[in-house]
PDB file of N, CA and C in Angstrom:
ATOM      1  N   MET A   1     100.564  98.288 142.856  1.00  0.00           N
ATOM      2  CA  MET A   1     101.861  98.939 142.733  1.00  0.00           C
ATOM      3  C   MET A   1     101.654 100.096 141.376  1.00  0.00           C
ATOM      4  N   ILE A   2     102.063 101.068 141.147  1.00  0.00           N
ATOM      5  CA  ILE A   2     102.054 101.835 140.085  1.00  0.00           C
ATOM      6  C   ILE A   2     103.496 101.757 139.351  1.00  0.00           C
ATOM      7  N   ASP A   3     103.467 101.448 138.006  1.00  0.00           N
ATOM      8  CA  ASP A   3     104.509 101.222 137.512  1.00  0.00           C
ATOM      9  C   ASP A   3     105.128 102.691 136.779  1.00  0.00           C
ATOM     10  N   VAL A   4     105.680 103.688 137.461  1.00  0.00           N
ATOM     11  CA  VAL A   4     106.372 104.833 137.115  1.00  0.00           C
ATOM     12  C   VAL A   4     107.028 104.582 136.072  1.00  0.00           C
ATOM     13  N   ALA A   5     107.845 103.932 135.657  1.00  0.00           N
ATOM     14  CA  ALA A   5     108.627 103.753 134.479  1.00  0.00           C
ATOM     15  C   ALA A   5     107.721 103.993 133.555  1.00  0.00           C
ATOM     16  N   PHE A   6     106.817 103.468 133.053  1.00  0.00           N
ATOM     17  CA  PHE A   6     105.982 103.296 131.726  1.00  0.00           C
ATOM     18  C   PHE A   6     105.160 105.154 131.625  1.00  0.00           C
ATOM     19  N   ALA A   7     104.878 105.150 132.760  1.00  0.00           N
ATOM     20  CA  ALA A   7     104.307 106.852 132.689  1.00  0.00           C
ATOM     21  C   ALA A   7     105.470 107.867 132.216  1.00  0.00           C
ATOM     22  N   VAL A   8     106.841 107.352 132.662  1.00  0.00           N
ATOM     23  CA  VAL A   8     107.756 108.193 132.242  1.00  0.00           C
ATOM     24  C   VAL A   8     108.032 108.363 130.949  1.00  0.00           C
ATOM     25  N   VAL A   9     108.110 106.690 130.389  1.00  0.00           N
ATOM     26  CA  VAL A   9     108.454 106.755 128.903  1.00  0.00           C
ATOM     27  C   VAL A   9     107.393 107.408 128.242  1.00  0.00           C
ATOM     28  N   GLU A  10     106.131 107.418 128.777  1.00  0.00           N
ATOM     29  CA  GLU A  10     104.942 108.012 127.689  1.00  0.00           C
ATOM     30  C   GLU A  10     105.250 109.436 127.868  1.00  0.00           C
ATOM     31  N   ARG A  11     105.438 110.142 128.925  1.00  0.00           N
ATOM     32  CA  ARG A  11     106.074 111.378 129.046  1.00  0.00           C
ATOM     33  C   ARG A  11     106.965 112.160 128.095  1.00  0.00           C
ATOM     34  N   LEU A  12     108.032 111.428 128.287  1.00  0.00           N
ATOM     35  CA  LEU A  12     109.270 111.568 127.422  1.00  0.00           C
ATOM     36  C   LEU A  12     109.107 111.791 126.198  1.00  0.00           C
ATOM     37  N   ALA A  13     108.296 110.320 125.337  1.00  0.00           N
ATOM     38  CA  ALA A  13     107.802 110.512 124.472  1.00  0.00           C
ATOM     39  C   ALA A  13     106.888 111.515 123.759  1.00  0.00           C
ATOM     40  N   ARG A  14     106.238 112.190 124.741  1.00  0.00           N
ATOM     41  CA  ARG A  14     105.072 113.098 123.977  1.00  0.00           C
ATOM     42  C   ARG A  14     105.871 114.519 124.360  1.00  0.00           C
ATOM     43  N   LEU A  15     106.751 114.818 125.205  1.00  0.00           N
ATOM     44  CA  LEU A  15     107.262 116.062 125.240  1.00  0.00           C
ATOM     45  C   LEU A  15     108.680 116.163 124.382  1.00  0.00           C
ATOM     46  N   VAL A  16     109.391 115.148 124.288  1.00  0.00           N
ATOM     47  CA  VAL A  16     110.645 115.306 123.821  1.00  0.00           C
ATOM     48  C   VAL A  16     111.155 114.499 122.840  1.00  0.00           C
ATOM     49  N   GLY A  17     110.179 113.209 122.412  1.00  0.00           N
ATOM     50  CA  GLY A  17     110.488 112.172 121.525  1.00  0.00           C
ATOM     51  C   GLY A  17     110.880 112.469 120.140  1.00  0.00           C
ATOM     52  N   SER A  18     110.479 113.962 119.660  1.00  0.00           N
ATOM     53  CA  SER A  18     111.232 114.129 118.258  1.00  0.00           C
ATOM     54  C   SER A  18     112.603 114.409 118.573  1.00  0.00           C
ATOM     55  N   GLN A  19     113.147 114.698 119.498  1.00  0.00           N
ATOM     56  CA  GLN A  19     114.530 114.644 119.507  1.00  0.00           C
ATOM     57  C   GLN A  19     115.401 113.683 119.564  1.00  0.00           C
ATOM     58  N   PHE A  20     114.673 112.399 119.912  1.00  0.00           N
ATOM     59  CA  PHE A  20     115.376 111.089 119.865  1.00  0.00           C
ATOM     60  C   PHE A  20     114.632 109.917 118.571  1.00  0.00           C
ATOM     61  N   ALA A  21     115.223 109.117 118.067  1.00  0.00           N
ATOM     62  CA  ALA A  21     114.650 108.429 117.406  1.00  0.00           C
ATOM     63  C   ALA A  21     113.718 107.302 117.984  1.00  0.00           C
ATOM     64  N   PHE A  22     114.043 107.212 119.383  1.00  0.00           N
ATOM     65  CA  PHE A  22     113.283 106.164 120.258  1.00  0.00           C
ATOM     66  C   PHE A  22     113.408 106.665 121.544  1.00  0.00           C
ATOM     67  N   VAL A  23     112.259 106.309 122.304  1.00  0.00           N
ATOM     68  CA  VAL A  23     112.331 106.174 123.531  1.00  0.00           C
ATOM     69  C   VAL A  23     111.565 104.935 124.234  1.00  0.00           C
ATOM     70  N   GLY A  24     112.398 104.236 124.872  1.00  0.00           N
ATOM     71  CA  GLY A  24     111.523 103.026 125.213  1.00  0.00           C
ATOM     72  C   GLY A  24     112.021 102.868 126.702  1.00  0.00           C
ATOM     73  N   SER A  25     111.916 101.524 127.092  1.00  0.00           N
ATOM     74  CA  SER A  25     111.697 101.103 128.565  1.00  0.00           C
ATOM     75  C   SER A  25     112.748 100.081 128.856  1.00  0.00           C
ATOM     76  N   LEU A  26     113.085  99.681 130.164  1.00  0.00           N
ATOM     77  CA  LEU A  26     113.984  98.530 130.014  1.00  0.00           C
ATOM     78  C   LEU A  26     113.739  97.140 128.954  1.00  0.00           C
ATOM     79  N   ALA A  27     112.539  96.794 128.727  1.00  0.00           N
ATOM     80  CA  ALA A  27     112.293  95.722 127.847  1.00  0.00           C
ATOM     81  C   ALA A  27     112.664  96.074 126.583  1.00  0.00           C
ATOM     82  N   ASP A  28     112.599  97.392 125.825  1.00  0.00           N
ATOM     83  CA  ASP A  28     113.405  97.720 125.098  1.00  0.00           C
ATOM     84  C   ASP A  28     114.810  97.726 124.822  1.00  0.00           C
ATOM     85  N   PHE A  29     115.207  97.982 126.040  1.00  0.00           N
ATOM     86  CA  PHE A  29     116.745  97.709 125.718  1.00  0.00           C
ATOM     87  C   PHE A  29     117.687  96.929 125.248  1.00  0.00           C
ATOM     88  N   ALA A  30     116.936  95.900 125.083  1.00  0.00           N
ATOM     89  CA  ALA A  30     117.721  94.539 124.636  1.00  0.00           C
ATOM     90  C   ALA A  30     117.728  94.794 123.175  1.00  0.00           C
ATOM     91  N   ALA A  31     116.823  95.373 122.437  1.00  0.00           N
ATOM     92  CA  ALA A  31     117.252  95.938 121.054  1.00  0.00           C
ATOM     93  C   ALA A  31     118.207  96.987 120.748  1.00  0.00           C
ATOM     94  N   LEU A  32     119.008  97.361 121.948  1.00  0.00           N
ATOM     95  CA  LEU A  32     119.857  98.425 121.539  1.00  0.00           C
ATOM     96  C   LEU A  32     120.734  98.132 120.367  1.00  0.00           C
ATOM     97  N   ALA A  33     121.239  96.823 120.285  1.00  0.00           N
ATOM     98  CA  ALA A  33     121.915  96.595 118.554  1.00  0.00           C
ATOM     99  C   ALA A  33     121.107  96.979 117.428  1.00  0.00           C
ATOM    100  N   ASP A  34     119.842  97.158 117.687  1.00  0.00           N
ATOM    101  CA  ASP A  34     119.034  97.598 116.430  1.00  0.00           C
ATOM    102  C   ASP A  34     119.054  99.077 116.065  1.00  0.00           C
ATOM    103  N   VAL A  35     119.394  99.867 117.109  1.00  0.00           N
ATOM    104  CA  VAL A  35     119.808 101.174 116.934  1.00  0.00           C
ATOM    105  C   VAL A  35     120.448 101.764 115.892  1.00  0.00           C
ATOM    106  N   PRO A  36     119.837 102.578 114.938  1.00  0.00           N
ATOM    107  CA  PRO A  36     120.882 103.041 113.853  1.00  0.00           C
ATOM    108  C   PRO A  36     122.018 103.922 114.278  1.00  0.00           C
ATOM    109  N   ARG A  37     123.294 103.677 113.507  1.00  0.00           N
ATOM    110  CA  ARG A  37     124.275 104.444 113.929  1.00  0.00           C
ATOM    111  C   ARG A  37     124.203 105.482 114.339  1.00  0.00           C
ATOM    112  N   SER A  38     123.852 106.638 113.462  1.00  0.00           N
ATOM    113  CA  SER A  38     123.597 108.003 113.967  1.00  0.00           C
ATOM    114  C   SER A  38     121.977 108.440 115.032  1.00  0.00           C
ATOM    115  N   ALA A  39     121.792 107.593 115.415  1.00  0.00           N
ATOM    116  CA  ALA A  39     120.441 107.750 116.226  1.00  0.00           C
ATOM    117  C   ALA A  39     120.881 107.910 117.559  1.00  0.00           C
ATOM    118  N   THR A  40     119.605 108.516 118.229  1.00  0.00           N
ATOM    119  CA  THR A  40     119.674 108.962 119.834  1.00  0.00           C
ATOM    120  C   THR A  40     118.913 108.181 120.068  1.00  0.00           C
ATOM    121  N   ALA A  41     118.583 107.712 121.545  1.00  0.00           N
ATOM    122  CA  ALA A  41     117.513 107.100 121.962  1.00  0.00           C
ATOM    123  C   ALA A  41     117.503 106.870 123.763  1.00  0.00           C
ATOM    124  N   ALA A  42     116.557 107.408 124.132  1.00  0.00           N
ATOM    125  CA  ALA A  42     116.535 107.413 125.572  1.00  0.00           C
ATOM    126  C   ALA A  42     115.806 106.168 126.132  1.00  0.00           C
ATOM    127  N   TYR A  43     116.289 105.441 127.291  1.00  0.00           N
ATOM    128  CA  TYR A  43     115.570 104.504 127.704  1.00  0.00           C
ATOM    129  C   TYR A  43     115.511 104.525 129.311  1.00  0.00           C
ATOM    130  N   VAL A  44     114.512 104.312 129.923  1.00  0.00           N
ATOM    131  CA  VAL A  44     114.040 104.557 131.329  1.00  0.00           C
ATOM    132  C   VAL A  44     114.258 103.165 132.061  1.00  0.00           C
ATOM    133  N   ILE A  45     114.982 103.255 132.892  1.00  0.00           N
ATOM    134  CA  ILE A  45     115.504 101.925 133.536  1.00  0.00           C
ATOM    135  C   ILE A  45     115.336 102.202 134.995  1.00  0.00           C
ATOM    136  N   PRO A  46     114.393 101.083 135.781  1.00  0.00           N
ATOM    137  CA  PRO A  46     114.044 100.995 136.990  1.00  0.00           C
ATOM    138  C   PRO A  46     115.567 100.878 137.759  1.00  0.00           C
ATOM    139  N   LEU A  47     115.619 101.358 138.999  1.00  0.00           N
ATOM    140  CA  LEU A  47     117.053 101.599 139.288  1.00  0.00           C
ATOM    141  C   LEU A  47     116.725 100.627 140.910  1.00  0.00           C
ATOM    142  N   GLU A  48     115.826 101.226 141.612  1.00  0.00           N
ATOM    143  CA  GLU A  48     115.655 100.941 143.097  1.00  0.00           C
ATOM    144  C   GLU A  48     114.133 101.205 143.396  1.00  0.00           C
ATOM    145  N   GLU A  49     113.525 100.059 144.199  1.00  0.00           N
ATOM    146  CA  GLU A  49     112.508  99.870 144.499  1.00  0.00           C
ATOM    147  C   GLU A  49     112.464 100.013 146.449  1.00  0.00           C
ATOM    148  N   ARG A  50     111.590 100.742 147.038  1.00  0.00           N
ATOM    149  CA  ARG A  50     111.769 100.799 148.577  1.00  0.00           C
ATOM    150  C   ARG A  50     110.539 100.796 149.307  1.00  0.00           C
ATOM    151  N   ALA A  51     109.750  99.817 150.349  1.00  0.00           N
ATOM    152  CA  ALA A  51     108.736 100.045 150.678  1.00  0.00           C
ATOM    153  C   ALA A  51     108.838 100.480 152.280  1.00  0.00           C
ATOM    154  N   GLY A  52     108.201 101.611 152.508  1.00  0.00           N
ATOM    155  CA  GLY A  52     108.639 101.852 153.949  1.00  0.00           C
ATOM    156  C   GLY A  52     107.649 101.152 154.961  1.00  0.00           C
ATOM    157  N   ASP A  53     107.768 101.273 156.239  1.00  0.00           N
ATOM    158  CA  ASP A  53     107.173 100.635 157.102  1.00  0.00           C
ATOM    159  C   ASP A  53     105.499 100.628 157.046  1.00  0.00           C
ATOM    160  N   ASN A  54     105.144  99.699 157.681  1.00  0.00           N
ATOM    161  CA  ASN A  54     103.209  99.191 157.428  1.00  0.00           C
ATOM    162  C   ASN A  54     102.632 100.497 158.309  1.00  0.00           C
ATOM    163  N   GLU A  55     102.017 101.599 157.736  1.00  0.00           N
ATOM    164  CA  GLU A  55     101.738 102.642 158.684  1.00  0.00           C
ATOM    165  C   GLU A  55      99.946 102.178 159.190  1.00  0.00           C
ATOM    166  N   VAL A  56      99.574 101.286 159.134  1.00  0.00           N
ATOM    167  CA  VAL A  56      97.779 100.840 159.501  1.00  0.00           C
ATOM    168  C   VAL A  56      97.632  99.735 160.350  1.00  0.00           C
ATOM    169  N   VAL A  57      97.488  99.468 161.389  1.00  0.00           N
ATOM    170  CA  VAL A  57      97.467  98.287 162.037  1.00  0.00           C
ATOM    171  C   VAL A  57      96.154  97.219 161.438  1.00  0.00           C
ATOM    172  N   GLY A  58      96.491  96.005 160.954  1.00  0.00           N
ATOM    173  CA  GLY A  58      95.273  95.057 160.214  1.00  0.00           C
ATOM    174  C   GLY A  58      95.227  95.234 159.051  1.00  0.00           C
ATOM    175  N   ALA A  59      96.291  96.237 158.505  1.00  0.00           N
ATOM    176  CA  ALA A  59      95.933  96.517 156.852  1.00  0.00           C
ATOM    177  C   ALA A  59      97.143  96.752 156.340  1.00  0.00           C
ATOM    178  N   SER A  60      97.422  96.993 154.985  1.00  0.00           N
ATOM    179  CA  SER A  60      98.579  97.061 154.667  1.00  0.00           C
ATOM    180  C   SER A  60      98.829  98.489 153.694  1.00  0.00           C
ATOM    181  N   LEU A  61      99.172  99.280 154.588  1.00  0.00           N
ATOM    182  CA  LEU A  61      99.715 100.831 153.854  1.00  0.00           C
ATOM    183  C   LEU A  61     100.807 101.230 154.136  1.00  0.00           C
ATOM    184  N   HIS A  62     101.627 101.533 152.635  1.00  0.00           N
ATOM    185  CA  HIS A  62     103.330 101.293 153.016  1.00  0.00           C
ATOM    186  C   HIS A  62     103.347 102.660 151.815  1.00  0.00           C
ATOM    187  N   GLN A  63     104.640 103.409 152.210  1.00  0.00           N
ATOM    188  CA  GLN A  63     104.779 104.464 151.361  1.00  0.00           C
ATOM    189  C   GLN A  63     105.923 103.775 150.468  1.00  0.00           C
ATOM    190  N   HIS A  64     105.769 103.876 148.897  1.00  0.00           N
ATOM    191  CA  HIS A  64     106.393 103.404 148.018  1.00  0.00           C
ATOM    192  C   HIS A  64     107.350 103.934 147.444  1.00  0.00           C
ATOM    193  N   SER A  65     108.957 104.221 147.405  1.00  0.00           N
ATOM    194  CA  SER A  65     109.890 104.882 146.445  1.00  0.00           C
ATOM    195  C   SER A  65     110.588 104.270 145.644  1.00  0.00           C
ATOM    196  N   ALA A  66     110.684 104.844 144.266  1.00  0.00           N
ATOM    197  CA  ALA A  66     111.375 104.315 143.266  1.00  0.00           C
ATOM    198  C   ALA A  66     112.608 105.085 142.912  1.00  0.00           C
ATOM    199  N   SER A  67     113.458 104.899 142.294  1.00  0.00           N
ATOM    200  CA  SER A  67     114.306 105.524 141.374  1.00  0.00           C
ATOM    201  C   SER A  67     114.431 104.969 140.262  1.00  0.00           C
ATOM    202  N   LEU A  68     114.517 106.013 139.029  1.00  0.00           N
ATOM    203  CA  LEU A  68     114.620 105.520 137.693  1.00  0.00           C
ATOM    204  C   LEU A  68     116.066 106.203 137.054  1.00  0.00           C
ATOM    205  N   GLY A  69     116.173 105.771 136.173  1.00  0.00           N
ATOM    206  CA  GLY A  69     117.390 106.408 135.570  1.00  0.00           C
ATOM    207  C   GLY A  69     117.020 106.527 133.937  1.00  0.00           C
ATOM    208  N   VAL A  70     117.156 107.475 133.332  1.00  0.00           N
ATOM    209  CA  VAL A  70     117.252 107.525 132.074  1.00  0.00           C
ATOM    210  C   VAL A  70     118.588 107.733 131.068  1.00  0.00           C
ATOM    211  N   LEU A  71     118.552 106.867 130.648  1.00  0.00           N
ATOM    212  CA  LEU A  71     120.095 106.295 129.804  1.00  0.00           C
ATOM    213  C   LEU A  71     119.759 107.000 128.405  1.00  0.00           C
ATOM    214  N   LEU A  72     120.562 107.658 127.982  1.00  0.00           N
ATOM    215  CA  LEU A  72     120.633 108.691 127.027  1.00  0.00           C
ATOM    216  C   LEU A  72     121.728 108.127 126.021  1.00  0.00           C
ATOM    217  N   ILE A  73     121.510 107.423 125.044  1.00  0.00           N
ATOM    218  CA  ILE A  73     122.511 106.953 124.077  1.00  0.00           C
ATOM    219  C   ILE A  73     122.545 107.848 122.633  1.00  0.00           C
ATOM    220  N   VAL A  74     123.670 108.054 122.427  1.00  0.00           N
ATOM    221  CA  VAL A  74     124.240 109.534 121.541  1.00  0.00           C
ATOM    222  C   VAL A  74     125.226 108.614 120.616  1.00  0.00           C
ATOM    223  N   ARG A  75     124.851 108.373 119.035  1.00  0.00           N
ATOM    224  CA  ARG A  75     125.909 108.031 118.514  1.00  0.00           C
ATOM    225  C   ARG A  75     125.959 108.883 117.364  1.00  0.00           C
ATOM    226  N   HIS A  76     127.074 109.249 116.847  1.00  0.00           N
ATOM    227  CA  HIS A  76     127.137 109.866 115.660  1.00  0.00           C
ATOM    228  C   HIS A  76     128.344 109.161 114.788  1.00  0.00           C
ATOM    229  N   ALA A  77     127.820 108.876 113.526  1.00  0.00           N
ATOM    230  CA  ALA A  77     128.627 107.688 112.820  1.00  0.00           C
ATOM    231  C   ALA A  77     129.859 108.614 112.203  1.00  0.00           C
ATOM    232  N   ALA A  78     130.168 109.994 112.116  1.00  0.00           N
ATOM    233  CA  ALA A  78     131.129 110.708 111.608  1.00  0.00           C
ATOM    234  C   ALA A  78     132.310 110.850 112.454  1.00  0.00           C
ATOM    235  N   ALA A  79     131.780 110.639 114.030  1.00  0.00           N
ATOM    236  CA  ALA A  79     132.514 110.936 115.080  1.00  0.00           C
ATOM    237  C   ALA A  79     133.022 109.759 116.141  1.00  0.00           C
ATOM    238  N   ALA A  80     134.227 109.373 115.233  1.00  0.00           N
ATOM    239  CA  ALA A  80     134.981 107.836 116.096  1.00  0.00           C
ATOM    240  C   ALA A  80     135.037 107.845 117.277  1.00  0.00           C
ATOM    241  N   GLY A  81     135.685 109.397 117.579  1.00  0.00           N
ATOM    242  CA  GLY A  81     135.984 109.746 119.290  1.00  0.00           C
ATOM    243  C   GLY A  81     134.967 109.945 120.276  1.00  0.00           C
ATOM    244  N   GLY A  82     133.956 110.278 119.727  1.00  0.00           N
ATOM    245  CA  GLY A  82     132.623 110.651 120.471  1.00  0.00           C
ATOM    246  C   GLY A  82     132.425 112.231 120.667  1.00  0.00           C
ATOM    247  N   GLY A  83     133.245 112.839 120.162  1.00  0.00           N
ATOM    248  CA  GLY A  83     133.217 114.247 120.470  1.00  0.00           C
ATOM    249  C   GLY A  83     131.924 115.030 120.098  1.00  0.00           C
ATOM    250  N   ARG A  84     131.556 114.678 119.008  1.00  0.00           N
ATOM    251  CA  ARG A  84     130.199 115.517 118.484  1.00  0.00           C
ATOM    252  C   ARG A  84     128.959 114.815 119.333  1.00  0.00           C
ATOM    253  N   ALA A  85     129.116 113.294 119.388  1.00  0.00           N
ATOM    254  CA  ALA A  85     128.429 112.731 120.398  1.00  0.00           C
ATOM    255  C   ALA A  85     128.305 113.327 121.662  1.00  0.00           C
ATOM    256  N   THR A  86     129.236 113.712 122.345  1.00  0.00           N
ATOM    257  CA  THR A  86     129.230 114.333 123.726  1.00  0.00           C
ATOM    258  C   THR A  86     128.862 115.678 123.680  1.00  0.00           C
ATOM    259  N   LEU A  87     128.856 116.353 122.443  1.00  0.00           N
ATOM    260  CA  LEU A  87     128.401 117.804 122.490  1.00  0.00           C
ATOM    261  C   LEU A  87     126.519 117.884 122.663  1.00  0.00           C
ATOM    262  N   ALA A  88     126.135 116.460 122.004  1.00  0.00           N
ATOM    263  CA  ALA A  88     124.867 116.463 122.090  1.00  0.00           C
ATOM    264  C   ALA A  88     123.995 116.046 123.276  1.00  0.00           C
ATOM    265  N   LEU A  89     124.834 115.845 124.044  1.00  0.00           N
ATOM    266  CA  LEU A  89     124.140 115.366 125.356  1.00  0.00           C
ATOM    267  C   LEU A  89     123.751 116.294 126.188  1.00  0.00           C
ATOM    268  N   GLY A  90     124.382 117.304 126.493  1.00  0.00           N
ATOM    269  CA  GLY A  90     123.552 118.499 127.002  1.00  0.00           C
ATOM    270  C   GLY A  90     122.870 118.831 126.812  1.00  0.00           C
ATOM    271  N   PRO A  91     122.172 119.168 125.685  1.00  0.00           N
ATOM    272  CA  PRO A  91     120.830 119.433 125.426  1.00  0.00           C
ATOM    273  C   PRO A  91     119.544 118.552 125.564  1.00  0.00           C
ATOM    274  N   LEU A  92     120.085 117.316 125.357  1.00  0.00           N
ATOM    275  CA  LEU A  92     119.359 116.339 125.363  1.00  0.00           C
ATOM    276  C   LEU A  92     118.980 115.966 127.182  1.00  0.00           C
ATOM    277  N   ARG A  93     119.895 115.872 128.001  1.00  0.00           N
ATOM    278  CA  ARG A  93     119.714 116.083 129.568  1.00  0.00           C
ATOM    279  C   ARG A  93     118.723 117.073 129.737  1.00  0.00           C
ATOM    280  N   GLU A  94     119.231 118.362 129.276  1.00  0.00           N
ATOM    281  CA  GLU A  94     117.917 119.524 129.752  1.00  0.00           C
ATOM    282  C   GLU A  94     116.567 119.317 129.339  1.00  0.00           C
ATOM    283  N   ALA A  95     116.593 118.738 128.069  1.00  0.00           N
ATOM    284  CA  ALA A  95     115.367 118.686 127.745  1.00  0.00           C
ATOM    285  C   ALA A  95     114.587 117.222 128.653  1.00  0.00           C
ATOM    286  N   VAL A  96     115.311 116.194 128.683  1.00  0.00           N
ATOM    287  CA  VAL A  96     114.580 115.099 129.835  1.00  0.00           C
ATOM    288  C   VAL A  96     114.261 115.706 131.130  1.00  0.00           C
ATOM    289  N   GLN A  97     115.136 116.488 131.848  1.00  0.00           N
ATOM    290  CA  GLN A  97     115.208 116.915 132.939  1.00  0.00           C
ATOM    291  C   GLN A  97     113.821 118.427 132.698  1.00  0.00           C
ATOM    292  N   ALA A  98     113.902 118.935 131.993  1.00  0.00           N
ATOM    293  CA  ALA A  98     112.762 119.864 131.804  1.00  0.00           C
ATOM    294  C   ALA A  98     111.145 119.046 131.668  1.00  0.00           C
ATOM    295  N   ALA A  99     111.399 117.918 131.179  1.00  0.00           N
ATOM    296  CA  ALA A  99     110.274 116.957 130.846  1.00  0.00           C
ATOM    297  C   ALA A  99     109.628 116.243 132.380  1.00  0.00           C
ATOM    298  N   LEU A 100     110.825 116.046 132.953  1.00  0.00           N
ATOM    299  CA  LEU A 100     110.486 115.084 134.168  1.00  0.00           C
ATOM    300  C   LEU A 100     110.592 115.710 135.682  1.00  0.00           C
ATOM    301  N   VAL A 101     111.411 116.529 135.642  1.00  0.00           N
ATOM    302  CA  VAL A 101     111.594 117.058 137.111  1.00  0.00           C
ATOM    303  C   VAL A 101     110.418 118.239 137.794  1.00  0.00           C
ATOM    304  N   GLY A 102     109.831 117.731 138.667  1.00  0.00           N
ATOM    305  CA  GLY A 102     108.963 118.467 139.207  1.00  0.00           C
ATOM    306  C   GLY A 102     107.366 117.911 138.684  1.00  0.00           C
ATOM    307  N   TRP A 103     107.424 116.625 137.625  1.00  0.00           N
ATOM    308  CA  TRP A 103     106.341 116.345 137.219  1.00  0.00           C
ATOM    309  C   TRP A 103     106.106 115.402 138.282  1.00  0.00           C
ATOM    310  N   THR A 104     104.768 115.134 138.482  1.00  0.00           N
ATOM    311  CA  THR A 104     104.054 114.165 139.468  1.00  0.00           C
ATOM    312  C   THR A 104     103.330 112.927 138.678  1.00  0.00           C
ATOM    313  N   PRO A 105     103.762 111.894 138.598  1.00  0.00           N
ATOM    314  CA  PRO A 105     103.217 110.941 137.574  1.00  0.00           C
ATOM    315  C   PRO A 105     101.595 110.333 138.097  1.00  0.00           C
ATOM    316  N   PRO A 106     101.151 109.972 137.228  1.00  0.00           N
ATOM    317  CA  PRO A 106      99.629 109.767 138.014  1.00  0.00           C
ATOM    318  C   PRO A 106      99.808 108.651 138.754  1.00  0.00           C
ATOM    319  N   GLY A 107      98.933 108.839 139.761  1.00  0.00           N
ATOM    320  CA  GLY A 107      98.695 107.602 140.784  1.00  0.00           C
ATOM    321  C   GLY A 107      99.914 107.814 141.985  1.00  0.00           C
ATOM    322  N   CYS A 108     100.758 108.828 141.780  1.00  0.00           N
ATOM    323  CA  CYS A 108     101.886 109.243 142.788  1.00  0.00           C
ATOM    324  C   CYS A 108     101.633 110.226 143.669  1.00  0.00           C
ATOM    325  N   HIS A 109     102.322 110.504 144.809  1.00  0.00           N
ATOM    326  CA  HIS A 109     101.779 111.713 145.459  1.00  0.00           C
ATOM    327  C   HIS A 109     103.128 112.884 145.701  1.00  0.00           C
ATOM    328  N   ALA A 110     104.279 112.394 145.255  1.00  0.00           N
ATOM    329  CA  ALA A 110     105.111 113.608 145.009  1.00  0.00           C
ATOM    330  C   ALA A 110     105.579 113.188 143.434  1.00  0.00           C
ATOM    331  N   PRO A 111     106.299 114.743 143.348  1.00  0.00           N
ATOM    332  CA  PRO A 111     106.803 114.938 141.962  1.00  0.00           C
ATOM    333  C   PRO A 111     108.481 114.206 142.151  1.00  0.00           C
ATOM    334  N   LEU A 112     108.440 114.192 140.898  1.00  0.00           N
ATOM    335  CA  LEU A 112     110.185 113.659 140.478  1.00  0.00           C
ATOM    336  C   LEU A 112     111.004 114.326 140.809  1.00  0.00           C
ATOM    337  N   ALA A 113     111.838 114.129 141.381  1.00  0.00           N
ATOM    338  CA  ALA A 113     112.858 115.063 141.232  1.00  0.00           C
ATOM    339  C   ALA A 113     114.476 114.292 141.091  1.00  0.00           C
ATOM    340  N   PHE A 114     115.443 115.406 140.788  1.00  0.00           N
ATOM    341  CA  PHE A 114     116.646 114.882 140.033  1.00  0.00           C
ATOM    342  C   PHE A 114     117.792 114.839 141.101  1.00  0.00           C
ATOM    343  N   ALA A 115     118.124 113.188 141.230  1.00  0.00           N
ATOM    344  CA  ALA A 115     119.243 112.984 142.171  1.00  0.00           C
ATOM    345  C   ALA A 115     120.567 113.054 142.031  1.00  0.00           C
ATOM    346  N   GLY A 116     121.049 113.171 140.352  1.00  0.00           N
ATOM    347  CA  GLY A 116     122.334 112.940 139.839  1.00  0.00           C
ATOM    348  C   GLY A 116     122.316 112.515 138.733  1.00  0.00           C
ATOM    349  N   GLY A 117     123.821 112.627 138.017  1.00  0.00           N
ATOM    350  CA  GLY A 117     123.573 111.929 136.966  1.00  0.00           C
ATOM    351  C   GLY A 117     125.277 112.526 136.368  1.00  0.00           C
ATOM    352  N   GLN A 118     125.547 111.895 135.382  1.00  0.00           N
ATOM    353  CA  GLN A 118     126.719 111.741 134.793  1.00  0.00           C
ATOM    354  C   GLN A 118     126.824 112.036 133.180  1.00  0.00           C
ATOM    355  N   LEU A 119     127.727 112.925 133.102  1.00  0.00           N
ATOM    356  CA  LEU A 119     127.893 113.278 131.567  1.00  0.00           C
ATOM    357  C   LEU A 119     129.101 112.638 130.984  1.00  0.00           C
ATOM    358  N   GLU A 120     129.072 111.404 130.019  1.00  0.00           N
ATOM    359  CA  GLU A 120     130.315 110.808 129.625  1.00  0.00           C
ATOM    360  C   GLU A 120     130.092 110.810 127.707  1.00  0.00           C
TER     361      GLU A 120
END
């Protein structure tokens, strides 16, 4: 099985990593408390995986699909209410989408698509 999440982390780090203090995976998410108060971070989180029906008799050939989320953390030490941090989310979301939407990870047969998100 292809671990798309690690390919996505690598691509984000390479293309938009300068906009974040940290880009990591689900394994790195446990270290969230260690992120500096004024830092931005992006975490690639696997959400769902599915395998289609077997397409070959006597062998195993399945279409595999995966959903990933990119959790953006924006903290601004000077904005207790989060106003300044919220303003920073728009450009970060656009940068992440530009880096990922339409890109086909190595070993995959279809490009990544945007399925939705929420700005909070």
